[in-house]
Amino acid sequence: MTMQKRWMTNMISEAEACTTKMPWERGLRRQAMISRRLDTEERKVKVTLPPMPAGISLAS
């Protein structure tokens, strides 16, 4: 096995083992939390969030 293939194989296996949540993975959960918080606040002016773009949505 050449050095390039071994490096790539090790990098792929480490990436698959990573358990850290990436920012794009928590987008829907974060948006739901923010909207719940904004719904419970007593403000004269309500803040609204735009819908998530279709390409970013991770809903399955």
Protein backbone atom coordinates (compact mmCIF):
# COMPACT_ATOMS: atom_id res chain seq x y z
CA MET A 1 0.00 0.00 0.00
CA THR A 2 1.44 3.38 -0.92
CA MET A 3 1.78 6.21 1.56
CA GLN A 4 -1.05 8.18 -0.10
CA LYS A 5 -3.54 5.29 0.10
CA ARG A 6 -2.62 4.50 3.72
CA TRP A 7 -3.00 8.16 4.72
CA MET A 8 -6.37 8.40 2.96
CA THR A 9 -7.61 5.14 4.52
CA ASN A 10 -6.62 6.31 8.01
CA MET A 11 -8.23 9.71 7.46
CA ILE A 12 -11.53 8.16 6.31
CA SER A 13 -11.66 5.78 9.28
CA GLU A 14 -10.99 8.65 11.73
CA ALA A 15 -13.70 10.79 10.11
CA GLU A 16 -16.22 7.95 10.43
CA ALA A 17 -15.32 7.52 14.12
CA CYS A 18 -15.84 11.23 14.89
CA THR A 19 -18.85 11.83 17.17
CA THR A 20 -18.67 15.64 17.31
CA LYS A 21 -21.85 17.29 15.99
CA MET A 22 -21.11 19.61 13.10
CA PRO A 23 -22.94 22.96 12.88
CA TRP A 24 -25.03 21.85 9.90
CA GLU A 25 -26.21 18.77 11.82
CA ARG A 26 -27.73 20.80 14.65
CA GLY A 27 -29.42 23.41 12.47
CA LEU A 28 -33.00 22.12 12.75
CA ARG A 29 -32.74 21.43 16.49
CA ARG A 30 -31.22 24.88 17.12
CA GLN A 31 -33.87 26.61 15.01
CA ALA A 32 -36.64 24.81 16.94
CA MET A 33 -35.11 25.84 20.28
CA ILE A 34 -34.83 29.48 19.21
CA SER A 35 -38.40 29.58 17.93
CA ARG A 36 -39.71 28.05 21.21
CA ARG A 37 -37.79 30.65 23.19
CA LEU A 38 -39.10 33.49 21.02
CA ASP A 39 -42.69 32.21 21.39
CA THR A 40 -42.50 32.33 25.19
CA GLU A 41 -41.00 35.82 25.43
CA GLU A 42 -43.27 38.76 26.08
CA ARG A 43 -42.13 41.29 23.49
CA LYS A 44 -44.01 43.95 21.64
CA VAL A 45 -42.11 43.13 18.44
CA LYS A 46 -41.84 39.46 17.53
CA VAL A 47 -38.73 38.16 15.79
CA THR A 48 -39.28 35.52 13.13
CA LEU A 49 -36.83 33.06 11.64
CA PRO A 50 -36.67 32.37 7.92
CA PRO A 51 -37.20 28.75 6.86
CA MET A 52 -34.11 26.59 6.42
CA PRO A 53 -32.99 26.29 2.79
CA ALA A 54 -33.94 22.96 1.21
CA GLY A 55 -30.32 21.98 0.61
CA ILE A 56 -29.42 22.33 4.30
CA SER A 57 -32.43 20.50 5.72
CA LEU A 58 -31.44 17.15 7.25
CA ALA A 59 -34.97 15.94 7.95
CA SER A 60 -35.39 12.36 6.82
